[in-house]
Amino acid sequence: MPGTIDIDRIFRENRASPPSERTLPWEETCDGITVVVEPKPHWADDMRAFRLEARAYCRYADWTANGGHARFYGHIDTSGDDVMMRARAMIAREIADGLWD
């Protein structure tokens, strides 16, 4: 990455990849509901979409098929905002450690 590295640029460049190849979470909105999609770990059969401001999630396949009518399940401690904040903190630490030079 030439020039100054910042977190927003890293997220923008990650978003340029197809969803199945992304390594960082991203936001999507449909039917007035915003979710943060968590990238698929190597062991998972599908990604999860967490509601931005609620501790609830659904399968990404359900989200892409049904949008705001997807079936959301309660999650004891994670919202979409939590997912995004953890990812941003991880990138900030990696930048500070010189891993993005």
PDB file of N, CA and C in Angstrom:
ATOM      1  N   MET A   1       0.833  -1.177   0.000  1.00  0.00           N
ATOM      2  CA  MET A   1       0.000   0.000   0.000  1.00  0.00           C
ATOM      3  C   MET A   1       0.880   1.244   0.000  1.00  0.00           C
ATOM      4  N   PRO A   2       0.864   2.004  -1.051  1.00  0.00           N
ATOM      5  CA  PRO A   2       1.677   3.215  -1.078  1.00  0.00           C
ATOM      6  C   PRO A   2       1.050   4.333  -0.260  1.00  0.00           C
ATOM      7  N   GLY A   3       1.896   5.264   0.182  1.00  0.00           N
ATOM      8  CA  GLY A   3       1.387   6.432   0.900  1.00  0.00           C
ATOM      9  C   GLY A   3       1.025   6.121   2.334  1.00  0.00           C
ATOM     10  N   THR A   4       0.246   7.025   2.912  1.00  0.00           N
ATOM     11  CA  THR A   4      -0.165   6.895   4.292  1.00  0.00           C
ATOM     12  C   THR A   4      -1.187   5.777   4.444  1.00  0.00           C
ATOM     13  N   ILE A   5      -0.973   4.981   5.456  1.00  0.00           N
ATOM     14  CA  ILE A   5      -1.895   3.877   5.730  1.00  0.00           C
ATOM     15  C   ILE A   5      -2.867   4.333   6.801  1.00  0.00           C
ATOM     16  N   ASP A   6      -4.162   4.151   6.547  1.00  0.00           N
ATOM     17  CA  ASP A   6      -5.134   4.408   7.600  1.00  0.00           C
ATOM     18  C   ASP A   6      -6.179   3.301   7.594  1.00  0.00           C
ATOM     19  N   ILE A   7      -6.842   3.182   8.694  1.00  0.00           N
ATOM     20  CA  ILE A   7      -7.798   2.093   8.888  1.00  0.00           C
ATOM     21  C   ILE A   7      -8.907   2.136   7.848  1.00  0.00           C
ATOM     22  N   ASP A   8      -9.450   3.317   7.568  1.00  0.00           N
ATOM     23  CA  ASP A   8     -10.548   3.411   6.611  1.00  0.00           C
ATOM     24  C   ASP A   8     -10.128   2.942   5.226  1.00  0.00           C
ATOM     25  N   ARG A   9      -8.919   3.258   4.834  1.00  0.00           N
ATOM     26  CA  ARG A   9      -8.423   2.823   3.519  1.00  0.00           C
ATOM     27  C   ARG A   9      -8.309   1.308   3.476  1.00  0.00           C
ATOM     28  N   ILE A  10      -7.812   0.715   4.533  1.00  0.00           N
ATOM     29  CA  ILE A  10      -7.687  -0.743   4.594  1.00  0.00           C
ATOM     30  C   ILE A  10      -9.064  -1.389   4.444  1.00  0.00           C
ATOM     31  N   PHE A  11     -10.065  -0.850   5.127  1.00  0.00           N
ATOM     32  CA  PHE A  11     -11.414  -1.391   5.016  1.00  0.00           C
ATOM     33  C   PHE A  11     -11.981  -1.196   3.611  1.00  0.00           C
ATOM     34  N   ARG A  12     -11.741  -0.028   3.004  1.00  0.00           N
ATOM     35  CA  ARG A  12     -12.227   0.219   1.628  1.00  0.00           C
ATOM     36  C   ARG A  12     -11.612  -0.767   0.646  1.00  0.00           C
ATOM     37  N   GLU A  13     -10.307  -0.980   0.755  1.00  0.00           N
ATOM     38  CA  GLU A  13      -9.638  -1.902  -0.163  1.00  0.00           C
ATOM     39  C   GLU A  13     -10.106  -3.339   0.053  1.00  0.00           C
ATOM     40  N   ASN A  14     -10.362  -3.707   1.289  1.00  0.00           N
ATOM     41  CA  ASN A  14     -10.891  -5.041   1.569  1.00  0.00           C
ATOM     42  C   ASN A  14     -12.286  -5.204   0.957  1.00  0.00           C
ATOM     43  N   ARG A  15     -13.071  -4.158   1.018  1.00  0.00           N
ATOM     44  CA  ARG A  15     -14.444  -4.195   0.492  1.00  0.00           C
ATOM     45  C   ARG A  15     -14.469  -4.340  -1.028  1.00  0.00           C
ATOM     46  N   ALA A  16     -13.367  -4.022  -1.714  1.00  0.00           N
ATOM     47  CA  ALA A  16     -13.301  -4.160  -3.164  1.00  0.00           C
ATOM     48  C   ALA A  16     -13.276  -5.633  -3.596  1.00  0.00           C
ATOM     49  N   SER A  17     -12.968  -6.541  -2.678  1.00  0.00           N
ATOM     50  CA  SER A  17     -12.954  -7.975  -2.976  1.00  0.00           C
ATOM     51  C   SER A  17     -14.370  -8.530  -2.897  1.00  0.00           C
ATOM     52  N   PRO A  18     -14.630  -9.652  -3.567  1.00  0.00           N
ATOM     53  CA  PRO A  18     -15.938 -10.307  -3.427  1.00  0.00           C
ATOM     54  C   PRO A  18     -16.161 -10.723  -1.968  1.00  0.00           C
ATOM     55  N   PRO A  19     -17.411 -10.779  -1.520  1.00  0.00           N
ATOM     56  CA  PRO A  19     -17.687 -11.122  -0.110  1.00  0.00           C
ATOM     57  C   PRO A  19     -16.990 -12.390   0.378  1.00  0.00           C
ATOM     58  N   SER A  20     -16.919 -13.414  -0.422  1.00  0.00           N
ATOM     59  CA  SER A  20     -16.310 -14.670   0.032  1.00  0.00           C
ATOM     60  C   SER A  20     -14.803 -14.563   0.227  1.00  0.00           C
ATOM     61  N   GLU A  21     -14.181 -13.499  -0.302  1.00  0.00           N
ATOM     62  CA  GLU A  21     -12.730 -13.329  -0.182  1.00  0.00           C
ATOM     63  C   GLU A  21     -12.333 -12.239   0.808  1.00  0.00           C
ATOM     64  N   ARG A  22     -13.292 -11.564   1.413  1.00  0.00           N
ATOM     65  CA  ARG A  22     -12.978 -10.492   2.362  1.00  0.00           C
ATOM     66  C   ARG A  22     -12.460 -11.064   3.669  1.00  0.00           C
ATOM     67  N   THR A  23     -11.562 -10.307   4.280  1.00  0.00           N
ATOM     68  CA  THR A  23     -10.976 -10.756   5.546  1.00  0.00           C
ATOM     69  C   THR A  23     -11.365  -9.855   6.714  1.00  0.00           C
ATOM     70  N   LEU A  24     -12.065  -8.767   6.422  1.00  0.00           N
ATOM     71  CA  LEU A  24     -12.508  -7.828   7.456  1.00  0.00           C
ATOM     72  C   LEU A  24     -14.021  -7.679   7.379  1.00  0.00           C
ATOM     73  N   PRO A  25     -14.677  -7.352   8.490  1.00  0.00           N
ATOM     74  CA  PRO A  25     -16.130  -7.172   8.471  1.00  0.00           C
ATOM     75  C   PRO A  25     -16.526  -5.949   7.643  1.00  0.00           C
ATOM     76  N   TRP A  26     -17.785  -5.944   7.192  1.00  0.00           N
ATOM     77  CA  TRP A  26     -18.318  -4.810   6.443  1.00  0.00           C
ATOM     78  C   TRP A  26     -19.801  -4.656   6.749  1.00  0.00           C
ATOM     79  N   GLU A  27     -20.304  -3.453   6.503  1.00  0.00           N
ATOM     80  CA  GLU A  27     -21.721  -3.155   6.751  1.00  0.00           C
ATOM     81  C   GLU A  27     -22.529  -3.331   5.479  1.00  0.00           C
ATOM     82  N   GLU A  28     -23.756  -3.793   5.645  1.00  0.00           N
ATOM     83  CA  GLU A  28     -24.748  -3.868   4.571  1.00  0.00           C
ATOM     84  C   GLU A  28     -26.078  -3.425   5.162  1.00  0.00           C
ATOM     85  N   THR A  29     -26.896  -2.763   4.338  1.00  0.00           N
ATOM     86  CA  THR A  29     -28.211  -2.326   4.777  1.00  0.00           C
ATOM     87  C   THR A  29     -29.260  -2.823   3.785  1.00  0.00           C
ATOM     88  N   CYS A  30     -30.366  -3.320   4.315  1.00  0.00           N
ATOM     89  CA  CYS A  30     -31.487  -3.765   3.490  1.00  0.00           C
ATOM     90  C   CYS A  30     -32.761  -3.627   4.320  1.00  0.00           C
ATOM     91  N   ASP A  31     -33.805  -3.128   3.709  1.00  0.00           N
ATOM     92  CA  ASP A  31     -35.103  -2.981   4.388  1.00  0.00           C
ATOM     93  C   ASP A  31     -34.994  -2.180   5.680  1.00  0.00           C
ATOM     94  N   GLY A  32     -34.091  -1.214   5.712  1.00  0.00           N
ATOM     95  CA  GLY A  32     -33.931  -0.364   6.883  1.00  0.00           C
ATOM     96  C   GLY A  32     -33.154  -0.987   8.023  1.00  0.00           C
ATOM     97  N   ILE A  33     -32.608  -2.173   7.821  1.00  0.00           N
ATOM     98  CA  ILE A  33     -31.821  -2.842   8.849  1.00  0.00           C
ATOM     99  C   ILE A  33     -30.371  -2.884   8.388  1.00  0.00           C
ATOM    100  N   THR A  34     -29.461  -2.492   9.272  1.00  0.00           N
ATOM    101  CA  THR A  34     -28.033  -2.537   8.969  1.00  0.00           C
ATOM    102  C   THR A  34     -27.397  -3.662   9.763  1.00  0.00           C
ATOM    103  N   VAL A  35     -26.586  -4.441   9.057  1.00  0.00           N
ATOM    104  CA  VAL A  35     -25.848  -5.524   9.695  1.00  0.00           C
ATOM    105  C   VAL A  35     -24.367  -5.334   9.420  1.00  0.00           C
ATOM    106  N   VAL A  36     -23.572  -5.977  10.241  1.00  0.00           N
ATOM    107  CA  VAL A  36     -22.132  -6.082  10.007  1.00  0.00           C
ATOM    108  C   VAL A  36     -21.874  -7.551   9.703  1.00  0.00           C
ATOM    109  N   VAL A  37     -21.320  -7.798   8.527  1.00  0.00           N
ATOM    110  CA  VAL A  37     -21.044  -9.161   8.107  1.00  0.00           C
ATOM    111  C   VAL A  37     -19.649  -9.541   8.587  1.00  0.00           C
ATOM    112  N   GLU A  38     -19.587 -10.646   9.298  1.00  0.00           N
ATOM    113  CA  GLU A  38     -18.317 -11.153   9.811  1.00  0.00           C
ATOM    114  C   GLU A  38     -17.740 -12.117   8.779  1.00  0.00           C
ATOM    115  N   PRO A  39     -16.496 -11.908   8.341  1.00  0.00           N
ATOM    116  CA  PRO A  39     -15.910 -12.815   7.344  1.00  0.00           C
ATOM    117  C   PRO A  39     -15.940 -14.262   7.804  1.00  0.00           C
ATOM    118  N   LYS A  40     -15.984 -15.133   6.845  1.00  0.00           N
ATOM    119  CA  LYS A  40     -16.102 -16.558   7.132  1.00  0.00           C
ATOM    120  C   LYS A  40     -14.772 -17.148   7.591  1.00  0.00           C
ATOM    121  N   PRO A  41     -14.737 -17.723   8.796  1.00  0.00           N
ATOM    122  CA  PRO A  41     -13.522 -18.417   9.218  1.00  0.00           C
ATOM    123  C   PRO A  41     -13.355 -19.713   8.413  1.00  0.00           C
ATOM    124  N   HIS A  42     -12.176 -20.262   8.402  1.00  0.00           N
ATOM    125  CA  HIS A  42     -11.884 -21.440   7.586  1.00  0.00           C
ATOM    126  C   HIS A  42     -12.787 -22.633   7.892  1.00  0.00           C
ATOM    127  N   TRP A  43     -13.292 -22.732   9.102  1.00  0.00           N
ATOM    128  CA  TRP A  43     -14.076 -23.899   9.501  1.00  0.00           C
ATOM    129  C   TRP A  43     -15.587 -23.728   9.296  1.00  0.00           C
ATOM    130  N   ALA A  44     -16.033 -22.524   8.971  1.00  0.00           N
ATOM    131  CA  ALA A  44     -17.475 -22.255   8.896  1.00  0.00           C
ATOM    132  C   ALA A  44     -18.052 -22.569   7.521  1.00  0.00           C
ATOM    133  N   ASP A  45     -19.326 -22.936   7.495  1.00  0.00           N
ATOM    134  CA  ASP A  45     -19.982 -23.173   6.211  1.00  0.00           C
ATOM    135  C   ASP A  45     -20.648 -21.911   5.670  1.00  0.00           C
ATOM    136  N   ASP A  46     -20.784 -20.875   6.482  1.00  0.00           N
ATOM    137  CA  ASP A  46     -21.384 -19.616   6.039  1.00  0.00           C
ATOM    138  C   ASP A  46     -20.917 -18.496   6.964  1.00  0.00           C
ATOM    139  N   MET A  47     -21.037 -17.274   6.469  1.00  0.00           N
ATOM    140  CA  MET A  47     -20.708 -16.108   7.289  1.00  0.00           C
ATOM    141  C   MET A  47     -21.908 -15.762   8.160  1.00  0.00           C
ATOM    142  N   ARG A  48     -21.680 -14.900   9.147  1.00  0.00           N
ATOM    143  CA  ARG A  48     -22.767 -14.417   9.988  1.00  0.00           C
ATOM    144  C   ARG A  48     -22.926 -12.917   9.781  1.00  0.00           C
ATOM    145  N   ALA A  49     -24.157 -12.459   9.880  1.00  0.00           N
ATOM    146  CA  ALA A  49     -24.468 -11.032   9.793  1.00  0.00           C
ATOM    147  C   ALA A  49     -25.060 -10.616  11.134  1.00  0.00           C
ATOM    148  N   PHE A  50     -24.366  -9.715  11.830  1.00  0.00           N
ATOM    149  CA  PHE A  50     -24.820  -9.232  13.135  1.00  0.00           C
ATOM    150  C   PHE A  50     -25.551  -7.915  12.958  1.00  0.00           C
ATOM    151  N   ARG A  51     -26.711  -7.778  13.583  1.00  0.00           N
ATOM    152  CA  ARG A  51     -27.399  -6.479  13.553  1.00  0.00           C
ATOM    153  C   ARG A  51     -26.475  -5.436  14.153  1.00  0.00           C
ATOM    154  N   LEU A  52     -26.446  -4.263  13.550  1.00  0.00           N
ATOM    155  CA  LEU A  52     -25.491  -3.241  13.949  1.00  0.00           C
ATOM    156  C   LEU A  52     -25.624  -2.861  15.414  1.00  0.00           C
ATOM    157  N   GLU A  53     -26.834  -2.603  15.868  1.00  0.00           N
ATOM    158  CA  GLU A  53     -27.018  -2.078  17.225  1.00  0.00           C
ATOM    159  C   GLU A  53     -27.776  -3.021  18.150  1.00  0.00           C
ATOM    160  N   ALA A  54     -27.835  -4.287  17.783  1.00  0.00           N
ATOM    161  CA  ALA A  54     -28.524  -5.259  18.634  1.00  0.00           C
ATOM    162  C   ALA A  54     -27.678  -6.522  18.725  1.00  0.00           C
ATOM    163  N   ARG A  55     -27.817  -7.228  19.800  1.00  0.00           N
ATOM    164  CA  ARG A  55     -27.077  -8.471  19.981  1.00  0.00           C
ATOM    165  C   ARG A  55     -27.876  -9.611  19.339  1.00  0.00           C
ATOM    166  N   ALA A  56     -27.827  -9.631  18.005  1.00  0.00           N
ATOM    167  CA  ALA A  56     -28.546 -10.638  17.230  1.00  0.00           C
ATOM    168  C   ALA A  56     -27.797 -10.871  15.926  1.00  0.00           C
ATOM    169  N   TYR A  57     -27.931 -12.089  15.408  1.00  0.00           N
ATOM    170  CA  TYR A  57     -27.243 -12.435  14.164  1.00  0.00           C
ATOM    171  C   TYR A  57     -28.108 -13.372  13.325  1.00  0.00           C
ATOM    172  N   CYS A  58     -27.740 -13.484  12.046  1.00  0.00           N
ATOM    173  CA  CYS A  58     -28.355 -14.457  11.162  1.00  0.00           C
ATOM    174  C   CYS A  58     -27.280 -15.007  10.240  1.00  0.00           C
ATOM    175  N   ARG A  59     -27.619 -16.036   9.504  1.00  0.00           N
ATOM    176  CA  ARG A  59     -26.693 -16.560   8.498  1.00  0.00           C
ATOM    177  C   ARG A  59     -26.649 -15.587   7.329  1.00  0.00           C
ATOM    178  N   TYR A  60     -25.480 -15.382   6.764  1.00  0.00           N
ATOM    179  CA  TYR A  60     -25.334 -14.453   5.648  1.00  0.00           C
ATOM    180  C   TYR A  60     -26.179 -14.889   4.449  1.00  0.00           C
ATOM    181  N   ALA A  61     -26.272 -16.184   4.197  1.00  0.00           N
ATOM    182  CA  ALA A  61     -27.096 -16.679   3.089  1.00  0.00           C
ATOM    183  C   ALA A  61     -28.557 -16.276   3.281  1.00  0.00           C
ATOM    184  N   ASP A  62     -29.052 -16.335   4.511  1.00  0.00           N
ATOM    185  CA  ASP A  62     -30.418 -15.907   4.813  1.00  0.00           C
ATOM    186  C   ASP A  62     -30.547 -14.402   4.606  1.00  0.00           C
ATOM    187  N   TRP A  63     -29.552 -13.643   5.016  1.00  0.00           N
ATOM    188  CA  TRP A  63     -29.562 -12.189   4.841  1.00  0.00           C
ATOM    189  C   TRP A  63     -29.603 -11.824   3.361  1.00  0.00           C
ATOM    190  N   THR A  64     -28.750 -12.453   2.551  1.00  0.00           N
ATOM    191  CA  THR A  64     -28.713 -12.104   1.132  1.00  0.00           C
ATOM    192  C   THR A  64     -30.005 -12.511   0.424  1.00  0.00           C
ATOM    193  N   ALA A  65     -30.639 -13.577   0.896  1.00  0.00           N
ATOM    194  CA  ALA A  65     -31.888 -14.035   0.275  1.00  0.00           C
ATOM    195  C   ALA A  65     -33.108 -13.248   0.747  1.00  0.00           C
ATOM    196  N   ASN A  66     -33.121 -12.860   2.025  1.00  0.00           N
ATOM    197  CA  ASN A  66     -34.338 -12.289   2.613  1.00  0.00           C
ATOM    198  C   ASN A  66     -34.182 -10.888   3.187  1.00  0.00           C
ATOM    199  N   GLY A  67     -32.989 -10.354   3.197  1.00  0.00           N
ATOM    200  CA  GLY A  67     -32.771  -9.003   3.709  1.00  0.00           C
ATOM    201  C   GLY A  67     -33.293  -8.848   5.124  1.00  0.00           C
ATOM    202  N   GLY A  68     -34.057  -7.792   5.347  1.00  0.00           N
ATOM    203  CA  GLY A  68     -34.581  -7.493   6.674  1.00  0.00           C
ATOM    204  C   GLY A  68     -35.552  -8.521   7.211  1.00  0.00           C
ATOM    205  N   HIS A  69     -35.972  -9.459   6.353  1.00  0.00           N
ATOM    206  CA  HIS A  69     -36.883 -10.512   6.802  1.00  0.00           C
ATOM    207  C   HIS A  69     -36.140 -11.790   7.202  1.00  0.00           C
ATOM    208  N   ALA A  70     -34.820 -11.719   7.215  1.00  0.00           N
ATOM    209  CA  ALA A  70     -34.019 -12.873   7.633  1.00  0.00           C
ATOM    210  C   ALA A  70     -34.330 -13.195   9.092  1.00  0.00           C
ATOM    211  N   ARG A  71     -34.125 -14.449   9.455  1.00  0.00           N
ATOM    212  CA  ARG A  71     -34.374 -14.862  10.836  1.00  0.00           C
ATOM    213  C   ARG A  71     -33.139 -14.570  11.680  1.00  0.00           C
ATOM    214  N   PHE A  72     -33.287 -13.677  12.635  1.00  0.00           N
ATOM    215  CA  PHE A  72     -32.201 -13.305  13.536  1.00  0.00           C
ATOM    216  C   PHE A  72     -32.327 -14.067  14.840  1.00  0.00           C
ATOM    217  N   TYR A  73     -31.183 -14.427  15.394  1.00  0.00           N
ATOM    218  CA  TYR A  73     -31.109 -15.134  16.657  1.00  0.00           C
ATOM    219  C   TYR A  73     -30.397 -14.238  17.665  1.00  0.00           C
ATOM    220  N   GLY A  74     -30.813 -14.293  18.900  1.00  0.00           N
ATOM    221  CA  GLY A  74     -30.147 -13.517  19.937  1.00  0.00           C
ATOM    222  C   GLY A  74     -28.718 -14.011  20.148  1.00  0.00           C
ATOM    223  N   HIS A  75     -27.836 -13.086  20.456  1.00  0.00           N
ATOM    224  CA  HIS A  75     -26.451 -13.449  20.768  1.00  0.00           C
ATOM    225  C   HIS A  75     -26.119 -12.832  22.116  1.00  0.00           C
ATOM    226  N   ILE A  76     -25.561 -13.609  22.993  1.00  0.00           N
ATOM    227  CA  ILE A  76     -25.379 -13.179  24.372  1.00  0.00           C
ATOM    228  C   ILE A  76     -24.488 -11.949  24.525  1.00  0.00           C
ATOM    229  N   ASP A  77     -23.461 -11.791  23.665  1.00  0.00           N
ATOM    230  CA  ASP A  77     -22.544 -10.685  23.923  1.00  0.00           C
ATOM    231  C   ASP A  77     -22.015  -9.966  22.688  1.00  0.00           C
ATOM    232  N   THR A  78     -22.574 -10.183  21.503  1.00  0.00           N
ATOM    233  CA  THR A  78     -21.996  -9.564  20.312  1.00  0.00           C
ATOM    234  C   THR A  78     -23.053  -8.901  19.437  1.00  0.00           C
ATOM    235  N   SER A  79     -22.776  -7.648  19.088  1.00  0.00           N
ATOM    236  CA  SER A  79     -23.576  -6.920  18.097  1.00  0.00           C
ATOM    237  C   SER A  79     -22.658  -6.596  16.927  1.00  0.00           C
ATOM    238  N   GLY A  80     -23.220  -6.095  15.857  1.00  0.00           N
ATOM    239  CA  GLY A  80     -22.423  -5.693  14.711  1.00  0.00           C
ATOM    240  C   GLY A  80     -21.424  -4.612  15.074  1.00  0.00           C
ATOM    241  N   ASP A  81     -21.835  -3.699  15.922  1.00  0.00           N
ATOM    242  CA  ASP A  81     -20.929  -2.641  16.368  1.00  0.00           C
ATOM    243  C   ASP A  81     -19.722  -3.238  17.090  1.00  0.00           C
ATOM    244  N   ASP A  82     -19.952  -4.261  17.913  1.00  0.00           N
ATOM    245  CA  ASP A  82     -18.853  -4.938  18.611  1.00  0.00           C
ATOM    246  C   ASP A  82     -17.877  -5.574  17.616  1.00  0.00           C
ATOM    247  N   VAL A  83     -18.419  -6.238  16.593  1.00  0.00           N
ATOM    248  CA  VAL A  83     -17.587  -6.894  15.580  1.00  0.00           C
ATOM    249  C   VAL A  83     -16.713  -5.862  14.877  1.00  0.00           C
ATOM    250  N   MET A  84     -17.317  -4.747  14.480  1.00  0.00           N
ATOM    251  CA  MET A  84     -16.579  -3.715  13.756  1.00  0.00           C
ATOM    252  C   MET A  84     -15.534  -3.052  14.657  1.00  0.00           C
ATOM    253  N   MET A  85     -15.878  -2.780  15.909  1.00  0.00           N
ATOM    254  CA  MET A  85     -14.926  -2.138  16.820  1.00  0.00           C
ATOM    255  C   MET A  85     -13.716  -3.038  17.078  1.00  0.00           C
ATOM    256  N   ARG A  86     -13.949  -4.340  17.249  1.00  0.00           N
ATOM    257  CA  ARG A  86     -12.826  -5.266  17.466  1.00  0.00           C
ATOM    258  C   ARG A  86     -11.916  -5.307  16.244  1.00  0.00           C
ATOM    259  N   ALA A  87     -12.498  -5.320  15.043  1.00  0.00           N
ATOM    260  CA  ALA A  87     -11.686  -5.358  13.824  1.00  0.00           C
ATOM    261  C   ALA A  87     -10.877  -4.076  13.668  1.00  0.00           C
ATOM    262  N   ARG A  88     -11.491  -2.935  13.935  1.00  0.00           N
ATOM    263  CA  ARG A  88     -10.780  -1.662  13.828  1.00  0.00           C
ATOM    264  C   ARG A  88      -9.636  -1.587  14.852  1.00  0.00           C
ATOM    265  N   ALA A  89      -9.868  -2.077  16.055  1.00  0.00           N
ATOM    266  CA  ALA A  89      -8.822  -2.085  17.088  1.00  0.00           C
ATOM    267  C   ALA A  89      -7.674  -3.005  16.679  1.00  0.00           C
ATOM    268  N   MET A  90      -7.992  -4.147  16.081  1.00  0.00           N
ATOM    269  CA  MET A  90      -6.963  -5.078  15.635  1.00  0.00           C
ATOM    270  C   MET A  90      -6.089  -4.421  14.556  1.00  0.00           C
ATOM    271  N   ILE A  91      -6.717  -3.753  13.584  1.00  0.00           N
ATOM    272  CA  ILE A  91      -5.967  -3.092  12.515  1.00  0.00           C
ATOM    273  C   ILE A  91      -5.112  -1.961  13.106  1.00  0.00           C
ATOM    274  N   ALA A  92      -5.667  -1.186  14.041  1.00  0.00           N
ATOM    275  CA  ALA A  92      -4.895  -0.104  14.667  1.00  0.00           C
ATOM    276  C   ALA A  92      -3.649  -0.660  15.359  1.00  0.00           C
ATOM    277  N   ARG A  93      -3.794  -1.774  16.074  1.00  0.00           N
ATOM    278  CA  ARG A  93      -2.638  -2.399  16.730  1.00  0.00           C
ATOM    279  C   ARG A  93      -1.614  -2.870  15.694  1.00  0.00           C
ATOM    280  N   GLU A  94      -2.082  -3.462  14.603  1.00  0.00           N
ATOM    281  CA  GLU A  94      -1.168  -3.943  13.566  1.00  0.00           C
ATOM    282  C   GLU A  94      -0.430  -2.785  12.899  1.00  0.00           C
ATOM    283  N   ILE A  95      -1.111  -1.662  12.672  1.00  0.00           N
ATOM    284  CA  ILE A  95      -0.458  -0.479  12.102  1.00  0.00           C
ATOM    285  C   ILE A  95       0.597   0.028  13.074  1.00  0.00           C
ATOM    286  N   ALA A  96       0.237   0.118  14.356  1.00  0.00           N
ATOM    287  CA  ALA A  96       1.183   0.594  15.376  1.00  0.00           C
ATOM    288  C   ALA A  96       2.401  -0.320  15.490  1.00  0.00           C
ATOM    289  N   ASP A  97       2.197  -1.611  15.257  1.00  0.00           N
ATOM    290  CA  ASP A  97       3.304  -2.579  15.326  1.00  0.00           C
ATOM    291  C   ASP A  97       4.115  -2.629  14.043  1.00  0.00           C
ATOM    292  N   GLY A  98       3.748  -1.813  13.048  1.00  0.00           N
ATOM    293  CA  GLY A  98       4.486  -1.763  11.793  1.00  0.00           C
ATOM    294  C   GLY A  98       4.195  -2.891  10.829  1.00  0.00           C
ATOM    295  N   LEU A  99       3.101  -3.583  11.018  1.00  0.00           N
ATOM    296  CA  LEU A  99       2.773  -4.726  10.146  1.00  0.00           C
ATOM    297  C   LEU A  99       2.158  -4.295   8.814  1.00  0.00           C
ATOM    298  N   TRP A 100       1.817  -3.028   8.667  1.00  0.00           N
ATOM    299  CA  TRP A 100       1.208  -2.544   7.421  1.00  0.00           C
ATOM    300  C   TRP A 100       2.149  -1.600   6.669  1.00  0.00           C
ATOM    301  N   ASP A 101       3.423  -1.640   6.930  1.00  0.00           N
ATOM    302  CA  ASP A 101       4.387  -0.794   6.220  1.00  0.00           C
ATOM    303  C   ASP A 101       4.661  -1.330   4.826  1.00  0.00           C
TER     304      ASP A 101
END
